[in-house]
Amino acid sequence: MNFSKFKTAIVIPSYRTESEIRQVLKGIPAFIRHIIVVDDASPDASADLVSAAAKRDKRIILLRHEKNQGVGGAMVTGFQKALALGADIVIKLDGDGQMDPQYIPALITPLILGEADYAKGNRFRNFDSLKQMPFVRRVGNLGLSFLTKAATGYWNIFDPTNGYFAIRAEVLAQLPLEHIDKGYYFETSMLSRLYLLDAVVQDVTIPARYGREVSNLSIRRVLFEFPFKLTRTLVKRIVLKYFIFDFSMMSIYLLTGIPLLLFGLIFGITKWIQYAELGIAAPTGTVILPTLSVILAIQILLSAIEIDLNAAPRKAISKTLV
C-alpha cells in the first residue's frame, strides 16, 4: 500500500525526553506528512533538540507549553494542530522511545481500509516482548486493563491503556477535546468519548520496547486517582448509553437489579445485626427474603452485563480512504 498518498500526522508529547527524542524523530517513516512535537514545559533540553532537528526535517513542527499540562494537555494541543493541517489520520507516538515507528503502517491500515475509527497497540499478544515488561507493571496493566474495559464499554479489546494509537481525523474532530483528561487518564478518557460516538476500536499487535526510560506515572496516582475516575466514567457511560441515548432491556435490568441488590444487602445486614444483639435466631422469612433478593438481583445484573459485553460498536463510522 502506498501510504504516502494519505495525509498522516504524528503527535509526540515531549517531557524529559532529551536522551531519546532524537532517535525517535529519526525513526519516523518518510511517508508521514507532519511531525508535531509538543514540548510540555520540559525542564531539560528536549525542545532545543527538536528545534535543531526541525531545521533538517521540514516536517517537524515544535509547539511549546509555558506551563506543564500533562500528557493529555499536550496531546490536545497536538490534535488541534493536526486538524488545522488537514490530516486524514493522527497518530500518537511517545517521545521516550518505547513505541517502535516501524509498526505505524500496521497501525493505520485498519483506518485506511475503513475497518476501524481508532486503532491501538496491544502489548500482550507478543510473548517475547511481554517477558521484558517488569512484573509489577505487567500485573498492574492487567488489572487496570480490566477495569478500563468495564468503564469504557470496549470489552472486545485488550490493553486499553496502551498509548500507541491512531485515529481518523473525522472522528477526532467530533470529540470534545476540551473535556479530554489532561493527565495520564487521557487514553481512557478518549475511549469513553469514542464509545459514545459508536466508534470502532481495533487492537493491533505491537510489542513495547523497554530501555532506560523512566515512567512518569506514579503508583500513588494509579491507586488513588484512577479508581475514582474509572467509577465516574462507568456511571456516566451507563446513564448516557442506556437511559439518555436509548432505553432498552438493559435499562430495565438495571432499574430492577440494583434496587433489589441494595434492598437485600441493607435489609439482610440490618436484621442480622438486630437479631445478633438480641441473641436469638432470625425467623425463616426474615432470612429468605434478603437471600432471594440478592440471588435474583445477581441473576438480573449478570444478564445486564451480558448485554453490555455485546454492545461494543462493530461498524466503523468513518469511510475508507482507499
Protein backbone atom coordinates (compact mmCIF):
# COMPACT_ATOMS: atom_id res chain seq x y z
CA MET A 1 0.00 0.00 0.00
CA ASN A 2 1.24 3.49 -0.88
CA PHE A 3 0.96 5.24 2.48
CA SER A 4 2.44 8.50 1.19
CA LYS A 5 -0.82 9.46 -0.55
CA PHE A 6 -2.58 9.79 2.81
CA LYS A 7 -2.23 12.89 4.97
CA THR A 8 -0.83 11.38 8.14
CA ALA A 9 0.31 13.41 11.14
CA ILE A 10 2.17 12.24 14.22
CA VAL A 11 1.78 13.96 17.58
CA ILE A 12 4.61 13.47 20.08
CA PRO A 13 4.13 14.70 23.67
CA SER A 14 7.56 15.60 24.97
CA TYR A 15 8.55 15.84 28.63
CA ARG A 16 12.03 14.92 29.84
CA THR A 17 12.86 13.12 26.60
CA GLU A 18 16.24 14.66 25.75
CA SER A 19 18.02 11.30 25.77
CA GLU A 20 15.55 9.62 23.38
CA ILE A 21 13.80 12.27 21.27
CA ARG A 22 16.43 12.46 18.51
CA GLN A 23 16.30 8.73 17.84
CA VAL A 24 12.50 8.78 17.89
CA LEU A 25 12.42 11.55 15.26
CA LYS A 26 14.97 9.79 13.09
CA GLY A 27 12.94 6.59 13.07
CA ILE A 28 9.70 8.11 11.78
CA PRO A 29 8.85 6.84 8.25
CA ALA A 30 9.24 9.15 5.27
CA PHE A 31 5.56 8.92 4.29
CA ILE A 32 4.45 10.85 7.39
CA ARG A 33 3.41 14.36 6.31
CA HIS A 34 3.64 16.19 9.63
CA ILE A 35 5.53 15.52 12.85
CA ILE A 36 4.08 17.65 15.65
CA VAL A 37 6.16 17.71 18.83
CA VAL A 38 4.52 19.33 21.84
CA ASP A 39 7.05 20.37 24.46
CA ASP A 40 5.09 20.28 27.71
CA ALA A 41 7.27 22.80 29.57
CA SER A 42 10.02 20.22 29.83
CA PRO A 43 12.87 21.37 32.11
CA ASP A 44 15.56 19.62 30.04
CA ALA A 45 16.95 20.33 26.56
CA SER A 46 14.26 18.40 24.67
CA ALA A 47 12.85 21.49 22.94
CA ASP A 48 16.28 22.63 21.78
CA LEU A 49 16.99 19.20 20.29
CA VAL A 50 13.65 19.21 18.46
CA SER A 51 14.31 22.74 17.14
CA ALA A 52 17.65 21.60 15.75
CA ALA A 53 16.00 18.55 14.15
CA ALA A 54 13.30 20.77 12.59
CA LYS A 55 15.97 22.65 10.65
CA ARG A 56 16.95 19.40 8.94
CA ASP A 57 13.46 17.94 8.60
CA LYS A 58 10.78 20.40 7.48
CA ARG A 59 8.01 18.01 8.55
CA ILE A 60 8.78 18.70 12.21
CA ILE A 61 6.67 21.33 13.95
CA LEU A 62 7.51 22.30 17.54
CA LEU A 63 4.77 23.59 19.83
CA ARG A 64 5.60 24.69 23.38
CA HIS A 65 3.60 25.00 26.58
CA GLU A 66 4.63 27.66 29.04
CA LYS A 67 3.22 25.54 31.88
CA ASN A 68 3.13 21.78 32.17
CA GLN A 69 -0.34 20.46 31.31
CA GLY A 70 0.24 16.71 31.35
CA VAL A 71 0.30 14.22 28.51
CA GLY A 72 -3.39 14.76 27.77
CA GLY A 73 -2.96 18.51 27.55
CA ALA A 74 0.00 18.09 25.22
CA MET A 75 -1.96 15.72 23.00
CA VAL A 76 -4.97 18.05 22.77
CA THR A 77 -2.65 20.83 21.57
CA GLY A 78 -1.16 18.45 19.01
CA PHE A 79 -4.58 17.22 17.91
CA GLN A 80 -5.78 20.75 17.25
CA LYS A 81 -2.70 21.46 15.15
CA ALA A 82 -3.09 18.20 13.18
CA LEU A 83 -6.73 19.00 12.40
CA ALA A 84 -5.76 22.52 11.31
CA LEU A 85 -3.20 21.00 8.93
CA GLY A 86 -5.91 18.87 7.31
CA ALA A 87 -4.61 15.46 8.37
CA ASP A 88 -6.59 12.32 7.48
CA ILE A 89 -5.04 10.22 10.23
CA VAL A 90 -3.45 11.31 13.50
CA ILE A 91 -1.01 9.09 15.39
CA LYS A 92 0.22 9.35 18.98
CA LEU A 93 3.86 8.42 19.43
CA ASP A 94 5.61 8.90 22.77
CA GLY A 95 8.98 10.60 22.85
CA ASP A 96 10.60 8.11 25.22
CA GLY A 97 11.42 5.50 22.57
CA GLN A 98 9.10 2.74 23.86
CA MET A 99 6.98 2.85 20.70
CA ASP A 100 8.63 1.46 17.58
CA PRO A 101 7.75 3.59 14.49
CA GLN A 102 8.15 0.57 12.19
CA TYR A 103 4.67 -0.57 13.29
CA ILE A 104 2.95 2.61 12.07
CA PRO A 105 1.86 1.01 8.74
CA ALA A 106 0.17 -1.85 10.63
CA LEU A 107 -1.44 0.63 12.99
CA ILE A 108 -3.01 2.84 10.33
CA THR A 109 -4.03 0.13 7.83
CA PRO A 110 -7.39 -0.64 9.56
CA LEU A 111 -8.19 3.09 9.47
CA ILE A 112 -7.36 3.41 5.79
CA LEU A 113 -9.50 0.37 4.90
CA GLY A 114 -12.43 1.68 6.91
CA GLU A 115 -12.35 -1.27 9.32
CA ALA A 116 -11.89 0.90 12.41
CA ASP A 117 -12.03 4.50 13.56
CA TYR A 118 -9.34 4.11 16.20
CA ALA A 119 -6.53 1.57 16.24
CA LYS A 120 -4.32 0.94 19.24
CA GLY A 121 -1.38 -1.22 20.15
CA ASN A 122 -1.69 -4.40 22.17
CA ARG A 123 1.46 -5.35 24.05
CA PHE A 124 0.07 -8.59 25.44
CA ARG A 125 -0.12 -10.56 22.19
CA ASN A 126 3.67 -10.70 21.78
CA PHE A 127 5.05 -13.09 24.40
CA ASP A 128 8.73 -12.30 23.80
CA SER A 129 8.07 -8.62 24.37
CA LEU A 130 5.83 -9.38 27.34
CA LYS A 131 8.70 -11.11 29.12
CA GLN A 132 10.65 -7.85 29.01
CA MET A 133 7.87 -5.96 30.78
CA PRO A 134 8.63 -5.54 34.51
CA PHE A 135 6.49 -7.93 36.57
CA VAL A 136 4.87 -5.21 38.67
CA ARG A 137 3.96 -3.25 35.54
CA ARG A 138 2.60 -6.41 33.91
CA VAL A 139 0.28 -7.21 36.82
CA GLY A 140 -0.77 -3.60 37.18
CA ASN A 141 -1.57 -3.30 33.48
CA LEU A 142 -3.69 -6.45 33.54
CA GLY A 143 -5.78 -5.21 36.45
CA LEU A 144 -6.08 -1.69 35.10
CA SER A 145 -6.98 -3.04 31.66
CA PHE A 146 -9.96 -4.99 33.03
CA LEU A 147 -11.27 -2.01 34.98
CA THR A 148 -10.81 0.24 31.95
CA LYS A 149 -12.73 -2.15 29.70
CA ALA A 150 -15.62 -2.17 32.17
CA ALA A 151 -15.61 1.62 32.50
CA THR A 152 -15.39 2.42 28.77
CA GLY A 153 -17.55 -0.41 27.39
CA TYR A 154 -14.88 -1.68 24.96
CA TRP A 155 -14.93 -5.27 26.23
CA ASN A 156 -13.67 -6.57 22.87
CA ILE A 157 -10.19 -5.04 23.14
CA PHE A 158 -7.19 -5.74 25.33
CA ASP A 159 -4.52 -3.48 26.78
CA PRO A 160 -6.92 -0.47 26.56
CA THR A 161 -4.46 1.81 28.35
CA ASN A 162 -1.88 1.42 25.57
CA GLY A 163 -0.81 4.89 24.46
CA TYR A 164 0.34 3.91 20.96
CA PHE A 165 -2.69 4.65 18.80
CA ALA A 166 -4.00 6.18 15.58
CA ILE A 167 -7.35 7.85 14.98
CA ARG A 168 -9.24 9.04 11.90
CA ALA A 169 -9.30 12.83 11.81
CA GLU A 170 -13.02 12.97 11.03
CA VAL A 171 -13.71 11.06 14.25
CA LEU A 172 -11.19 13.09 16.22
CA ALA A 173 -12.96 16.27 15.11
CA GLN A 174 -16.18 15.01 16.74
CA LEU A 175 -14.57 14.58 20.15
CA PRO A 176 -14.98 17.34 22.75
CA LEU A 177 -11.25 17.89 23.14
CA GLU A 178 -11.80 20.47 25.88
CA HIS A 179 -13.24 17.69 28.07
CA ILE A 180 -10.48 15.14 27.45
CA ASP A 181 -8.48 14.41 30.61
CA LYS A 182 -5.22 16.33 30.71
CA GLY A 183 -3.27 13.77 32.75
CA TYR A 184 -2.40 10.09 32.48
CA TYR A 185 -6.09 9.19 32.36
CA PHE A 186 -6.01 10.61 28.84
CA GLU A 187 -6.26 7.32 26.89
CA THR A 188 -9.18 6.07 28.98
CA SER A 189 -10.90 9.43 28.65
CA MET A 190 -10.50 9.17 24.86
CA LEU A 191 -12.01 5.67 24.80
CA SER A 192 -15.00 6.70 26.88
CA ARG A 193 -15.76 9.53 24.46
CA LEU A 194 -15.27 7.30 21.42
CA TYR A 195 -17.76 4.77 22.83
CA LEU A 196 -20.46 7.43 22.97
CA LEU A 197 -19.81 8.14 19.27
CA ASP A 198 -20.15 4.41 18.43
CA ALA A 199 -16.61 4.45 17.07
CA VAL A 200 -14.97 1.10 16.36
CA VAL A 201 -11.70 0.43 18.19
CA GLN A 202 -9.35 -2.29 16.94
CA ASP A 203 -6.31 -3.92 18.51
CA VAL A 204 -3.04 -4.17 16.60
CA THR A 205 -0.28 -6.38 17.99
CA ILE A 206 2.67 -4.10 18.74
CA PRO A 207 5.39 -5.10 21.22
CA ALA A 208 6.68 -2.39 23.53
CA ARG A 209 10.35 -1.60 23.93
CA TYR A 210 11.73 -1.17 27.43
CA GLY A 211 15.03 0.55 27.91
CA ARG A 212 16.46 3.11 30.31
CA GLU A 213 13.45 5.40 30.19
CA VAL A 214 11.65 6.12 33.47
CA SER A 215 7.88 6.29 33.56
CA ASN A 216 6.40 9.50 34.96
CA LEU A 217 3.24 7.63 36.02
CA SER A 218 3.38 7.08 39.78
CA ILE A 219 1.87 4.13 41.66
CA ARG A 220 0.18 6.61 44.02
CA ARG A 221 -1.69 8.23 41.14
CA VAL A 222 -2.89 4.86 39.83
CA LEU A 223 -4.08 3.64 43.23
CA PHE A 224 -5.77 6.81 44.45
CA GLU A 225 -6.77 8.75 41.34
CA PHE A 226 -7.72 6.13 38.75
CA PRO A 227 -10.39 4.21 40.76
CA PHE A 228 -12.45 7.37 41.29
CA LYS A 229 -12.15 8.40 37.64
CA LEU A 230 -12.93 4.89 36.38
CA THR A 231 -16.05 4.72 38.58
CA ARG A 232 -17.20 8.11 37.35
CA THR A 233 -16.59 7.06 33.73
CA LEU A 234 -18.58 3.83 34.24
CA VAL A 235 -21.56 5.59 35.82
CA LYS A 236 -21.60 8.31 33.18
CA ARG A 237 -21.41 5.76 30.35
CA ILE A 238 -24.25 3.66 31.75
CA VAL A 239 -26.52 6.65 32.31
CA LEU A 240 -25.90 8.16 28.86
CA LYS A 241 -25.89 4.89 26.91
CA TYR A 242 -28.88 3.17 28.49
CA PHE A 243 -31.05 5.97 29.87
CA ILE A 244 -30.40 9.14 27.83
CA PHE A 245 -29.47 7.94 24.32
CA ASP A 246 -31.63 4.79 24.49
CA PHE A 247 -33.93 2.78 26.75
CA SER A 248 -33.87 -0.99 26.39
CA MET A 249 -33.99 -4.25 28.34
CA MET A 250 -30.59 -3.31 29.72
CA SER A 251 -32.21 -0.24 31.30
CA ILE A 252 -34.98 -2.37 32.83
CA TYR A 253 -32.48 -4.88 34.19
CA LEU A 254 -30.52 -2.10 35.88
CA LEU A 255 -33.66 -0.46 37.30
CA THR A 256 -34.74 -3.74 38.87
CA GLY A 257 -31.42 -5.44 39.67
CA ILE A 258 -29.68 -2.61 41.51
CA PRO A 259 -32.60 -1.76 43.89
CA LEU A 260 -33.11 -5.48 44.60
CA LEU A 261 -29.43 -5.93 45.42
CA LEU A 262 -29.34 -2.89 47.68
CA PHE A 263 -32.54 -3.93 49.46
CA GLY A 264 -31.29 -7.47 50.01
CA LEU A 265 -27.92 -6.33 51.36
CA ILE A 266 -29.19 -3.50 53.56
CA PHE A 267 -32.22 -5.41 54.92
CA GLY A 268 -30.20 -8.58 55.47
CA ILE A 269 -27.32 -6.88 57.28
CA THR A 270 -29.67 -4.78 59.40
CA LYS A 271 -31.70 -7.80 60.51
CA TRP A 272 -28.58 -9.88 61.11
CA ILE A 273 -27.21 -7.22 63.47
CA GLN A 274 -30.59 -6.79 65.16
CA TYR A 275 -31.11 -10.48 65.95
CA ALA A 276 -27.44 -10.97 66.84
CA GLU A 277 -27.77 -8.29 69.53
CA LEU A 278 -30.95 -9.96 70.84
CA GLY A 279 -29.18 -13.30 70.90
CA ILE A 280 -31.96 -15.15 69.12
CA ALA A 281 -32.30 -16.80 65.71
CA ALA A 282 -33.91 -14.77 62.95
CA PRO A 283 -37.26 -16.03 61.59
CA THR A 284 -37.10 -18.11 58.42
CA GLY A 285 -38.91 -15.48 56.37
CA THR A 286 -36.51 -12.78 57.52
CA VAL A 287 -33.60 -14.89 56.29
CA ILE A 288 -35.15 -15.98 53.00
CA LEU A 289 -36.36 -12.54 51.88
CA PRO A 290 -32.95 -10.81 51.60
CA THR A 291 -31.32 -14.03 50.32
CA LEU A 292 -33.76 -14.36 47.45
CA SER A 293 -33.49 -10.63 46.71
CA VAL A 294 -29.69 -10.85 46.40
CA ILE A 295 -29.79 -14.03 44.29
CA LEU A 296 -32.42 -12.60 41.94
CA ALA A 297 -30.55 -9.31 41.70
CA ILE A 298 -27.31 -11.09 40.78
CA GLN A 299 -29.08 -13.07 38.04
CA ILE A 300 -30.63 -9.91 36.60
CA LEU A 301 -27.36 -7.97 36.72
CA LEU A 302 -25.49 -10.86 35.05
CA SER A 303 -27.98 -10.61 32.18
CA ALA A 304 -27.31 -6.87 32.05
CA ILE A 305 -23.55 -7.48 31.91
CA GLU A 306 -24.04 -9.93 29.03
CA ILE A 307 -25.93 -7.27 27.07
CA ASP A 308 -23.18 -4.74 27.78
CA LEU A 309 -20.50 -7.21 26.66
CA ASN A 310 -22.18 -7.46 23.26
CA ALA A 311 -22.88 -3.74 22.92
CA ALA A 312 -19.40 -2.61 21.80
CA PRO A 313 -19.51 -0.80 18.41
CA ARG A 314 -18.93 -3.14 15.45
CA LYS A 315 -19.21 -0.93 12.35
CA ALA A 316 -16.81 1.94 11.73
CA ILE A 317 -18.38 5.39 11.40
CA SER A 318 -15.60 6.66 9.13
CA LYS A 319 -15.31 5.74 5.48
CA THR A 320 -12.45 4.03 3.67
CA LEU A 321 -9.60 6.23 2.42
CA VAL A 322 -8.63 3.86 -0.38
